[in-house]
C-alpha atoms as a PDB file:
ATOM      1  CA  MET A   1      48.186 -14.955 -30.843  1.00  0.00           C
ATOM      2  CA  ALA A   2      44.508 -14.567 -31.756  1.00  0.00           C
ATOM      3  CA  LEU A   3      42.429 -11.920 -29.976  1.00  0.00           C
ATOM      4  CA  ASN A   4      38.925 -12.768 -28.822  1.00  0.00           C
ATOM      5  CA  LYS A   5      36.196 -10.232 -29.532  1.00  0.00           C
ATOM      6  CA  GLN A   6      34.382  -8.494 -26.665  1.00  0.00           C
ATOM      7  CA  VAL A   7      31.012  -6.782 -27.048  1.00  0.00           C
ATOM      8  CA  TRP A   8      29.511  -4.142 -24.736  1.00  0.00           C
ATOM      9  CA  LEU A   9      25.765  -3.703 -25.190  1.00  0.00           C
ATOM     10  CA  ASN A  10      24.394  -0.164 -25.289  1.00  0.00           C
ATOM     11  CA  THR A  11      21.552  -0.932 -22.863  1.00  0.00           C
ATOM     12  CA  ILE A  12      21.593  -1.847 -19.169  1.00  0.00           C
ATOM     13  CA  VAL A  13      19.412  -4.398 -17.358  1.00  0.00           C
ATOM     14  CA  GLU A  14      17.281  -2.331 -14.986  1.00  0.00           C
ATOM     15  CA  ASN A  15      15.818  -3.084 -11.540  1.00  0.00           C
ATOM     16  CA  PHE A  16      12.268  -4.310 -10.999  1.00  0.00           C
ATOM     17  CA  PHE A  17       9.729  -2.281  -8.993  1.00  0.00           C
ATOM     18  CA  PRO A  18       6.320  -3.200  -7.516  1.00  0.00           C
ATOM     19  CA  ASP A  19       2.885  -2.409  -8.895  1.00  0.00           C
ATOM     20  CA  ASN A  20       1.527   0.682  -7.113  1.00  0.00           C
ATOM     21  CA  SER A  21      -1.846   0.872  -8.880  1.00  0.00           C
ATOM     22  CA  PHE A  22      -3.661   0.175  -5.598  1.00  0.00           C
ATOM     23  CA  ALA A  23      -3.244   3.839  -4.624  1.00  0.00           C
ATOM     24  CA  THR A  24      -5.687   5.023  -7.298  1.00  0.00           C
ATOM     25  CA  LYS A  25      -8.484   3.146  -5.523  1.00  0.00           C
ATOM     26  CA  SER A  26      -8.944   5.926  -2.969  1.00  0.00           C
ATOM     27  CA  ILE A  27     -10.043   9.542  -2.577  1.00  0.00           C
ATOM     28  CA  ASP A  28      -7.460  11.822  -4.203  1.00  0.00           C
ATOM     29  CA  ASP A  29      -6.341  14.626  -1.874  1.00  0.00           C
ATOM     30  CA  SER A  30      -3.228  15.408  -3.939  1.00  0.00           C
ATOM     31  CA  VAL A  31      -4.415  18.971  -4.550  1.00  0.00           C
ATOM     32  CA  PHE A  32      -3.662  19.616  -0.850  1.00  0.00           C
ATOM     33  CA  VAL A  33      -0.197  18.023  -0.848  1.00  0.00           C
ATOM     34  CA  ASP A  34       1.616  21.361  -0.430  1.00  0.00           C
ATOM     35  CA  ASN A  35      -0.055  21.997   2.934  1.00  0.00           C
ATOM     36  CA  LYS A  36       1.192  20.737   6.295  1.00  0.00           C
ATOM     37  CA  THR A  37      -2.096  19.271   7.600  1.00  0.00           C
ATOM     38  CA  VAL A  38      -5.312  18.075   5.960  1.00  0.00           C
ATOM     39  CA  HIS A  39      -8.567  18.057   7.951  1.00  0.00           C
ATOM     40  CA  ILE A  40     -11.314  15.536   7.163  1.00  0.00           C
ATOM     41  CA  PRO A  41     -14.579  16.544   8.921  1.00  0.00           C
ATOM     42  CA  ASN A  42     -16.675  13.560  10.006  1.00  0.00           C
ATOM     43  CA  ALA A  43     -20.405  13.848  10.644  1.00  0.00           C
ATOM     44  CA  GLY A  44     -21.626  13.093  14.142  1.00  0.00           C
ATOM     45  CA  ALA A  45     -24.443  10.659  14.978  1.00  0.00           C
ATOM     46  CA  PRO A  46     -27.917  11.318  13.461  1.00  0.00           C
ATOM     47  CA  SER A  47     -30.450  12.995  15.733  1.00  0.00           C
ATOM     48  CA  GLY A  48     -32.540   9.848  16.142  1.00  0.00           C
ATOM     49  CA  VAL A  49     -36.064   8.774  15.195  1.00  0.00           C
ATOM     50  CA  GLU A  50     -39.020   8.073  17.488  1.00  0.00           C
ATOM     51  CA  ILE A  51     -42.214   6.264  16.470  1.00  0.00           C
ATOM     52  CA  ASN A  52     -45.546   7.779  17.589  1.00  0.00           C
ATOM     53  CA  ARG A  53     -43.945  10.544  19.606  1.00  0.00           C
ATOM     54  CA  THR A  54     -45.925  11.456  22.735  1.00  0.00           C
ATOM     55  CA  GLN A  55     -43.678  14.005  24.380  1.00  0.00           C
ATOM     56  CA  LYS A  56     -44.089  17.449  22.860  1.00  0.00           C
ATOM     57  CA  PRO A  57     -42.307  19.701  22.455  1.00  0.00           C
ATOM     58  CA  ALA A  58     -39.539  17.262  21.640  1.00  0.00           C
ATOM     59  CA  SER A  59     -36.145  17.780  23.280  1.00  0.00           C
ATOM     60  CA  VAL A  60     -33.605  19.577  21.094  1.00  0.00           C
ATOM     61  CA  ASN A  61     -29.945  18.574  20.889  1.00  0.00           C
ATOM     62  CA  GLN A  62     -26.876  19.643  18.945  1.00  0.00           C
ATOM     63  CA  ARG A  63     -24.749  17.351  16.781  1.00  0.00           C
ATOM     64  CA  THR A  64     -21.063  16.953  17.636  1.00  0.00           C
ATOM     65  CA  ASP A  65     -18.909  16.415  14.555  1.00  0.00           C
ATOM     66  CA  GLN A  66     -15.409  14.957  14.536  1.00  0.00           C
ATOM     67  CA  ASP A  67     -12.204  16.277  12.975  1.00  0.00           C
ATOM     68  CA  LEU A  68      -9.800  13.716  11.520  1.00  0.00           C
ATOM     69  CA  THR A  69      -6.401  15.022  10.387  1.00  0.00           C
ATOM     70  CA  TYR A  70      -3.194  13.849   8.756  1.00  0.00           C
ATOM     71  CA  ASP A  71       0.143  15.554   8.089  1.00  0.00           C
ATOM     72  CA  MET A  72       2.392  15.398   5.047  1.00  0.00           C
ATOM     73  CA  ASP A  73       5.718  13.562   4.923  1.00  0.00           C
ATOM     74  CA  GLU A  74       8.652  14.712   2.814  1.00  0.00           C
ATOM     75  CA  LEU A  75      10.591  11.890   1.182  1.00  0.00           C
ATOM     76  CA  THR A  76      14.039  12.554  -0.268  1.00  0.00           C
ATOM     77  CA  THR A  77      16.587  10.371  -2.048  1.00  0.00           C
ATOM     78  CA  ASN A  78      20.261  10.270  -1.157  1.00  0.00           C
ATOM     79  CA  PRO A  79      22.228  12.537  -3.525  1.00  0.00           C
ATOM     80  CA  ILE A  80      24.013  10.528  -6.194  1.00  0.00           C
ATOM     81  CA  TYR A  81      27.188  11.491  -8.019  1.00  0.00           C
ATOM     82  CA  ILE A  82      27.894  10.713 -11.686  1.00  0.00           C
ATOM     83  CA  PRO A  83      31.550  11.300 -12.573  1.00  0.00           C
ATOM     84  CA  ASN A  84      32.234  12.818 -15.963  1.00  0.00           C
ATOM     85  CA  VAL A  85      34.080   9.697 -17.115  1.00  0.00           C
ATOM     86  CA  ASP A  86      30.853   7.679 -16.822  1.00  0.00           C
ATOM     87  CA  THR A  87      29.106   9.999 -19.258  1.00  0.00           C
ATOM     88  CA  VAL A  88      31.724   9.759 -21.973  1.00  0.00           C
ATOM     89  CA  GLU A  89      33.290   6.286 -21.782  1.00  0.00           C
ATOM     90  CA  LEU A  90      30.414   3.911 -20.974  1.00  0.00           C
ATOM     91  CA  SER A  91      28.521   2.197 -23.789  1.00  0.00           C
ATOM     92  CA  TYR A  92      25.157   2.860 -22.112  1.00  0.00           C
ATOM     93  CA  ASP A  93      23.441   5.974 -20.724  1.00  0.00           C
ATOM     94  CA  LYS A  94      24.213   5.726 -17.001  1.00  0.00           C
ATOM     95  CA  ARG A  95      22.632   9.101 -16.197  1.00  0.00           C
ATOM     96  CA  GLN A  96      19.287   8.060 -17.633  1.00  0.00           C
ATOM     97  CA  SER A  97      19.422   4.757 -15.742  1.00  0.00           C
ATOM     98  CA  ILE A  98      20.254   6.430 -12.423  1.00  0.00           C
ATOM     99  CA  LEU A  99      17.539   9.058 -12.732  1.00  0.00           C
ATOM    100  CA  TRP A 100      14.891   6.467 -13.693  1.00  0.00           C
ATOM    101  CA  ASN A 101      15.835   4.088 -10.856  1.00  0.00           C
ATOM    102  CA  ASP A 102      15.873   6.797  -8.195  1.00  0.00           C
ATOM    103  CA  ARG A 103      12.486   8.130  -9.321  1.00  0.00           C
ATOM    104  CA  MET A 104      11.012   4.627  -9.207  1.00  0.00           C
ATOM    105  CA  GLU A 105      12.502   3.900  -5.789  1.00  0.00           C
ATOM    106  CA  LEU A 106      11.037   7.157  -4.464  1.00  0.00           C
ATOM    107  CA  GLN A 107       7.622   6.190  -5.849  1.00  0.00           C
ATOM    108  CA  LYS A 108       7.963   2.734  -4.279  1.00  0.00           C
ATOM    109  CA  GLN A 109       8.706   4.166  -0.834  1.00  0.00           C
ATOM    110  CA  ALA A 110       5.979   6.814  -1.168  1.00  0.00           C
ATOM    111  CA  HIS A 111       3.352   4.156  -1.835  1.00  0.00           C
ATOM    112  CA  GLN A 112       4.665   1.976   0.983  1.00  0.00           C
ATOM    113  CA  ASN A 113       4.304   5.015   3.240  1.00  0.00           C
ATOM    114  CA  LEU A 114       0.705   5.299   2.054  1.00  0.00           C
ATOM    115  CA  LEU A 115       0.002   1.719   3.147  1.00  0.00           C
ATOM    116  CA  TYR A 116       1.390   2.538   6.615  1.00  0.00           C
ATOM    117  CA  ARG A 117      -1.020   5.465   6.795  1.00  0.00           C
ATOM    118  CA  TRP A 118      -4.014   3.324   5.801  1.00  0.00           C
ATOM    119  CA  PHE A 119      -3.241   0.810   8.550  1.00  0.00           C
ATOM    120  CA  VAL A 120      -5.951   0.816  11.223  1.00  0.00           C
ATOM    121  CA  ALA A 121      -5.004  -0.658  14.599  1.00  0.00           C
ATOM    122  CA  GLY A 122      -7.640  -2.966  16.039  1.00  0.00           C
ATOM    123  CA  GLN A 123      -9.397  -3.562  12.706  1.00  0.00           C
ATOM    124  CA  VAL A 124      -7.892  -7.014  12.169  1.00  0.00           C
ATOM    125  CA  ILE A 125      -9.126 -10.303  10.755  1.00  0.00           C
ATOM    126  CA  GLU A 126      -6.772 -13.263  11.114  1.00  0.00           C
ATOM    127  CA  THR A 127      -6.046 -16.071   8.695  1.00  0.00           C
ATOM    128  CA  GLU A 128      -7.249 -19.596   9.557  1.00  0.00           C
ATOM    129  CA  GLY A 129      -5.659 -21.937   6.993  1.00  0.00           C
ATOM    130  CA  GLU A 130      -3.058 -24.674   7.167  1.00  0.00           C
ATOM    131  CA  ALA A 131       0.324 -24.114   8.800  1.00  0.00           C
ATOM    132  CA  ILE A 132       2.932 -22.638   6.443  1.00  0.00           C
ATOM    133  CA  ASP A 133       6.427 -21.197   6.917  1.00  0.00           C
ATOM    134  CA  ALA A 134       6.854 -17.535   7.856  1.00  0.00           C
ATOM    135  CA  HIS A 135       7.881 -15.533   4.775  1.00  0.00           C
ATOM    136  CA  THR A 136       8.288 -11.869   5.711  1.00  0.00           C
ATOM    137  CA  SER A 137      12.054 -12.065   6.313  1.00  0.00           C
ATOM    138  CA  SER A 138      14.866 -14.514   6.961  1.00  0.00           C
ATOM    139  CA  THR A 139      14.609 -13.581  10.642  1.00  0.00           C
ATOM    140  CA  ALA A 140      10.965 -14.654  10.917  1.00  0.00           C
ATOM    141  CA  THR A 141      10.680 -18.206  12.251  1.00  0.00           C
ATOM    142  CA  GLY A 142       7.937 -20.686  13.019  1.00  0.00           C
ATOM    143  CA  LYS A 143       4.631 -21.359  11.311  1.00  0.00           C
ATOM    144  CA  ARG A 144       1.783 -19.079  10.243  1.00  0.00           C
ATOM    145  CA  LYS A 145      -1.773 -19.889   9.178  1.00  0.00           C
ATOM    146  CA  ALA A 146      -2.358 -19.532   5.436  1.00  0.00           C
ATOM    147  CA  LEU A 147      -4.907 -17.192   3.878  1.00  0.00           C
ATOM    148  CA  THR A 148      -8.072 -18.918   2.626  1.00  0.00           C
ATOM    149  CA  LYS A 149     -11.317 -17.849   0.967  1.00  0.00           C
ATOM    150  CA  ASP A 150     -13.060 -18.171   4.361  1.00  0.00           C
ATOM    151  CA  THR A 151     -11.155 -15.093   5.579  1.00  0.00           C
ATOM    152  CA  ILE A 152     -12.348 -13.122   2.535  1.00  0.00           C
ATOM    153  CA  LEU A 153     -15.905 -14.247   3.300  1.00  0.00           C
ATOM    154  CA  LYS A 154     -15.517 -12.956   6.875  1.00  0.00           C
ATOM    155  CA  LEU A 155     -14.321  -9.622   5.516  1.00  0.00           C
ATOM    156  CA  MET A 156     -17.381  -9.405   3.284  1.00  0.00           C
ATOM    157  CA  THR A 157     -19.602 -10.063   6.302  1.00  0.00           C
ATOM    158  CA  ARG A 158     -17.872  -7.367   8.389  1.00  0.00           C
ATOM    159  CA  PHE A 159     -18.189  -4.823   5.595  1.00  0.00           C
ATOM    160  CA  ASN A 160     -21.865  -5.710   5.140  1.00  0.00           C
ATOM    161  CA  GLN A 161     -22.544  -5.417   8.880  1.00  0.00           C
ATOM    162  CA  ASP A 162     -20.950  -1.956   8.849  1.00  0.00           C
ATOM    163  CA  ASP A 163     -23.130  -0.853   5.879  1.00  0.00           C
ATOM    164  CA  VAL A 164     -19.997  -0.209   3.814  1.00  0.00           C
ATOM    165  CA  PRO A 165     -20.989   0.408   0.152  1.00  0.00           C
ATOM    166  CA  ALA A 166     -20.798  -2.755  -1.935  1.00  0.00           C
ATOM    167  CA  ASN A 167     -19.003  -1.075  -4.838  1.00  0.00           C
ATOM    168  CA  GLY A 168     -15.339  -0.102  -4.720  1.00  0.00           C
ATOM    169  CA  ARG A 169     -14.163  -2.796  -2.305  1.00  0.00           C
ATOM    170  CA  TYR A 170     -10.505  -3.849  -2.661  1.00  0.00           C
ATOM    171  CA  ILE A 171      -8.008  -6.231  -1.086  1.00  0.00           C
ATOM    172  CA  LEU A 172      -4.227  -5.902  -1.491  1.00  0.00           C
ATOM    173  CA  LEU A 173      -2.174  -9.050  -0.761  1.00  0.00           C
ATOM    174  CA  ASP A 174       1.524  -9.783  -0.843  1.00  0.00           C
ATOM    175  CA  ALA A 175       2.844 -12.340  -3.339  1.00  0.00           C
ATOM    176  CA  VAL A 176       2.775 -15.263  -0.895  1.00  0.00           C
ATOM    177  CA  MET A 177      -0.674 -14.563   0.560  1.00  0.00           C
ATOM    178  CA  TYR A 178      -2.071 -14.160  -2.961  1.00  0.00           C
ATOM    179  CA  ALA A 179      -0.659 -17.569  -3.941  1.00  0.00           C
ATOM    180  CA  GLN A 180      -2.214 -19.073  -0.806  1.00  0.00           C
ATOM    181  CA  LEU A 181      -5.620 -17.718  -1.775  1.00  0.00           C
ATOM    182  CA  LEU A 182      -5.396 -19.114  -5.306  1.00  0.00           C
ATOM    183  CA  LYS A 183      -4.410 -22.512  -3.922  1.00  0.00           C
ATOM    184  CA  ASP A 184      -7.521 -22.584  -1.710  1.00  0.00           C
ATOM    185  CA  LEU A 185      -9.957 -21.988  -4.588  1.00  0.00           C
ATOM    186  CA  THR A 186     -11.607 -24.875  -6.357  1.00  0.00           C
ATOM    187  CA  GLU A 187     -11.066 -25.250 -10.093  1.00  0.00           C
ATOM    188  CA  LYS A 188     -14.478 -23.711 -10.795  1.00  0.00           C
ATOM    189  CA  GLU A 189     -13.897 -20.851  -8.337  1.00  0.00           C
ATOM    190  CA  LEU A 190     -10.453 -20.156  -9.795  1.00  0.00           C
ATOM    191  CA  SER A 191     -11.872 -20.006 -13.318  1.00  0.00           C
ATOM    192  CA  ALA A 192     -14.539 -17.502 -12.249  1.00  0.00           C
ATOM    193  CA  PHE A 193     -11.964 -15.494 -10.292  1.00  0.00           C
ATOM    194  CA  LEU A 194      -9.527 -15.177 -13.189  1.00  0.00           C
ATOM    195  CA  SER A 195     -12.280 -14.364 -15.681  1.00  0.00           C
ATOM    196  CA  SER A 196     -13.176 -11.294 -13.611  1.00  0.00           C
ATOM    197  CA  ALA A 197      -9.635  -9.856 -13.862  1.00  0.00           C
ATOM    198  CA  ASN A 198      -8.928  -6.407 -15.293  1.00  0.00           C
ATOM    199  CA  ALA A 199      -5.207  -6.180 -15.981  1.00  0.00           C
ATOM    200  CA  GLN A 200      -5.325  -2.506 -17.031  1.00  0.00           C
ATOM    201  CA  LYS A 201      -6.623  -1.547 -13.582  1.00  0.00           C
ATOM    202  CA  GLY A 202      -4.350  -3.945 -11.692  1.00  0.00           C
ATOM    203  CA  ILE A 203      -7.264  -6.207 -10.725  1.00  0.00           C
ATOM    204  CA  LEU A 204      -6.335  -9.910 -10.663  1.00  0.00           C
ATOM    205  CA  GLY A 205      -9.871 -11.133  -9.960  1.00  0.00           C
ATOM    206  CA  ASN A 206     -12.964 -10.630  -7.821  1.00  0.00           C
ATOM    207  CA  LEU A 207     -13.968 -12.724  -4.815  1.00  0.00           C
ATOM    208  CA  TYR A 208     -17.007 -12.112  -2.576  1.00  0.00           C
ATOM    209  CA  GLY A 209     -17.330  -8.573  -3.937  1.00  0.00           C
ATOM    210  CA  PHE A 210     -13.678  -7.600  -3.415  1.00  0.00           C
ATOM    211  CA  ASP A 211     -11.365  -6.751  -6.308  1.00  0.00           C
ATOM    212  CA  ILE A 212      -8.117  -8.532  -5.449  1.00  0.00           C
ATOM    213  CA  MET A 213      -4.759  -6.842  -6.114  1.00  0.00           C
ATOM    214  CA  GLN A 214      -1.200  -7.961  -5.451  1.00  0.00           C
ATOM    215  CA  ARG A 215       2.073  -6.278  -4.468  1.00  0.00           C
ATOM    216  CA  SER A 216       5.396  -7.881  -3.593  1.00  0.00           C
ATOM    217  CA  GLN A 217       5.162  -6.453  -0.056  1.00  0.00           C
ATOM    218  CA  VAL A 218       2.157  -4.961   1.720  1.00  0.00           C
ATOM    219  CA  LEU A 219       2.349  -4.715   5.529  1.00  0.00           C
ATOM    220  CA  ARG A 220       4.273  -6.356   8.352  1.00  0.00           C
ATOM    221  CA  LEU A 221       3.046  -6.614  11.964  1.00  0.00           C
ATOM    222  CA  THR A 222       4.418  -7.560  15.343  1.00  0.00           C
ATOM    223  CA  SER A 223       2.956 -10.551  17.177  1.00  0.00           C
ATOM    224  CA  ALA A 224       0.719  -8.038  19.009  1.00  0.00           C
ATOM    225  CA  LYS A 225      -0.694  -6.864  15.628  1.00  0.00           C
ATOM    226  CA  ALA A 226       1.089  -3.509  15.794  1.00  0.00           C
ATOM    227  CA  LEU A 227       2.574  -1.986  12.642  1.00  0.00           C
ATOM    228  CA  LEU A 228       6.178  -2.998  11.964  1.00  0.00           C
ATOM    229  CA  LYS A 229       7.601  -0.919   9.119  1.00  0.00           C
ATOM    230  CA  TRP A 230       9.833  -2.642   6.590  1.00  0.00           C
ATOM    231  CA  SER A 231      12.649  -0.251   7.514  1.00  0.00           C
ATOM    232  CA  GLU A 232      12.561  -1.459  11.146  1.00  0.00           C
ATOM    233  CA  ASN A 233      14.458  -4.454  12.503  1.00  0.00           C
ATOM    234  CA  ALA A 234      12.885  -7.795  11.700  1.00  0.00           C
ATOM    235  CA  ALA A 235      11.502 -10.007  14.472  1.00  0.00           C
ATOM    236  CA  ALA A 236      11.216 -13.776  14.757  1.00  0.00           C
ATOM    237  CA  THR A 237       7.489 -13.544  15.507  1.00  0.00           C
ATOM    238  CA  GLU A 238       6.579 -10.944  12.865  1.00  0.00           C
ATOM    239  CA  LEU A 239       3.462 -11.455  10.743  1.00  0.00           C
ATOM    240  CA  ALA A 240       2.607 -10.676   7.124  1.00  0.00           C
ATOM    241  CA  ALA A 241      -0.557  -8.664   6.532  1.00  0.00           C
ATOM    242  CA  GLY A 242      -2.772  -7.581   3.655  1.00  0.00           C
ATOM    243  CA  LEU A 243      -5.236  -4.720   3.564  1.00  0.00           C
ATOM    244  CA  ALA A 244      -8.947  -4.508   2.695  1.00  0.00           C
ATOM    245  CA  TRP A 245     -10.699  -1.187   2.091  1.00  0.00           C
ATOM    246  CA  GLN A 246     -13.537   0.621   0.362  1.00  0.00           C
ATOM    247  CA  GLU A 247     -12.365   3.376  -1.974  1.00  0.00           C
ATOM    248  CA  ASN A 248     -14.263   6.193  -0.214  1.00  0.00           C
ATOM    249  CA  CYS A 249     -12.788   5.246   3.170  1.00  0.00           C
ATOM    250  CA  VAL A 250      -9.111   6.096   2.504  1.00  0.00           C
ATOM    251  CA  SER A 251      -7.240   9.143   1.158  1.00  0.00           C
ATOM    252  CA  ARG A 252      -4.057   9.619  -0.824  1.00  0.00           C
ATOM    253  CA  ALA A 253      -2.034  12.795  -1.342  1.00  0.00           C
ATOM    254  CA  LEU A 254       0.903  12.221  -3.690  1.00  0.00           C
ATOM    255  CA  GLY A 255       2.944  15.174  -4.865  1.00  0.00           C
ATOM    256  CA  ASP A 256       5.073  15.549  -7.959  1.00  0.00           C
ATOM    257  CA  VAL A 257       8.644  14.265  -7.943  1.00  0.00           C
ATOM    258  CA  LYS A 258      11.009  17.253  -7.764  1.00  0.00           C
ATOM    259  CA  MET A 259      14.561  16.833  -9.049  1.00  0.00           C
ATOM    260  CA  PHE A 260      17.544  18.785  -7.722  1.00  0.00           C
ATOM    261  CA  ASP A 261      20.698  18.866  -9.816  1.00  0.00           C
ATOM    262  CA  SER A 262      24.170  20.276  -9.831  1.00  0.00           C
ATOM    263  CA  THR A 263      25.603  19.597 -13.277  1.00  0.00           C
ATOM    264  CA  ASP A 264      29.271  20.123 -14.087  1.00  0.00           C
ATOM    265  CA  ASN A 265      30.026  20.544 -10.385  1.00  0.00           C
ATOM    266  CA  PRO A 266      33.566  22.006 -10.148  1.00  0.00           C
ATOM    267  CA  MET A 267      34.403  20.210  -6.873  1.00  0.00           C
ATOM    268  CA  TYR A 268      33.228  16.753  -7.972  1.00  0.00           C
ATOM    269  CA  TYR A 269      34.086  17.009 -11.691  1.00  0.00           C
ATOM    270  CA  GLY A 270      30.741  15.545 -12.565  1.00  0.00           C
ATOM    271  CA  ASP A 271      27.003  15.802 -11.888  1.00  0.00           C
ATOM    272  CA  ILE A 272      24.996  15.396  -8.649  1.00  0.00           C
ATOM    273  CA  TYR A 273      21.258  14.618  -8.504  1.00  0.00           C
ATOM    274  CA  SER A 274      18.601  14.041  -5.849  1.00  0.00           C
ATOM    275  CA  PHE A 275      14.795  13.851  -5.696  1.00  0.00           C
ATOM    276  CA  LEU A 276      12.025  14.967  -3.324  1.00  0.00           C
ATOM    277  CA  MET A 277       8.359  13.991  -3.017  1.00  0.00           C
ATOM    278  CA  ARG A 278       5.620  14.958  -0.551  1.00  0.00           C
ATOM    279  CA  VAL A 279       3.218  12.250   0.588  1.00  0.00           C
ATOM    280  CA  GLY A 280       0.135  12.122   2.803  1.00  0.00           C
ATOM    281  CA  GLY A 281      -3.009  10.106   3.373  1.00  0.00           C
ATOM    282  CA  LYS A 282      -5.108   8.295   5.968  1.00  0.00           C
ATOM    283  CA  TYR A 283      -8.286   6.369   6.561  1.00  0.00           C
ATOM    284  CA  ARG A 284     -11.123   8.897   6.241  1.00  0.00           C
ATOM    285  CA  ARG A 285     -13.650   7.789   8.843  1.00  0.00           C
ATOM    286  CA  TYR A 286     -13.506   8.562  12.535  1.00  0.00           C
ATOM    287  CA  ASP A 287     -15.234   5.224  13.279  1.00  0.00           C
ATOM    288  CA  LYS A 288     -12.595   3.454  11.119  1.00  0.00           C
ATOM    289  CA  LYS A 289     -15.224   1.563   9.130  1.00  0.00           C
ATOM    290  CA  GLY A 290     -14.380   0.398   5.643  1.00  0.00           C
ATOM    291  CA  VAL A 291     -10.754  -0.567   6.375  1.00  0.00           C
ATOM    292  CA  TYR A 292      -9.516  -3.916   7.723  1.00  0.00           C
ATOM    293  CA  VAL A 293      -6.111  -5.549   8.118  1.00  0.00           C
ATOM    294  CA  ILE A 294      -5.760  -9.195   7.075  1.00  0.00           C
ATOM    295  CA  ALA A 295      -3.118 -10.549   9.485  1.00  0.00           C
ATOM    296  CA  GLU A 296      -1.445 -13.920   9.543  1.00  0.00           C
ATOM    297  CA  ALA A 297      -2.242 -15.889  12.695  1.00  0.00           C
ATOM    298  CA  ALA A 298       0.621 -17.704  14.390  1.00  0.00           C
ATOM    299  CA  SER A 299       0.391 -21.488  14.162  1.00  0.00           C
ATOM    300  CA  ALA A 300       1.675 -23.901  16.760  1.00  0.00           C
END
């Protein structure tokens, strides 16, 4: 009887992970990542100006400054065991694959944590487009209003009214909201948008002064526009949300990834690995200017 050949490739198909380049568009506080708390002093209101002052001596006041703080989080992976047989009998390097995947997953969760920290309650602009299906989870039901260029124009107006610097403005959208925005652009607008892209910096285009970026997931909100973390139970009325910010108005503190290992463990007859990373960050202004949430509006 003939024997059929079998071939085992010496490489493994790896997992995909999201683009986290948005984090670099912020103030880097990573030098402070090994502390518990970071303080961000905020200047109080200016003393005021009077034209043709008549009352002299003028009254003298003191300025009250504000203290904004954030604490560090410690993220750790679940320890993973690699039996000795996997290191000697498999056709591919399983150890290398495991270590790479766990590092990337830790980075993914660290950057998602950063987006939670940049979330500013009450600083919300809602979408106003056509009714589309909810997309945040299989539990989410009903219709939501799509993102259109009009919402980006409203964001530009809010930033301008708040005297937010015109340079360094960014918007991060999830995959579906980004597709909605592209669909709303005219052919001429889309051409101009795509021609302003900078792939090396993660910029997909520029619209109304905002560099647009995309990530598979950004933020998720309750129907009351409160933060709903992706690790929390899904809700039928949950809403997708993007984030708009100016680079001087948010902070990041991302530590190095530390690996713990127990190789040739005598009780497990193999190797055990785990990883740790410290993460911090927050919006930097006490008045919360320069950061807005782009939330889906529910549609009847």
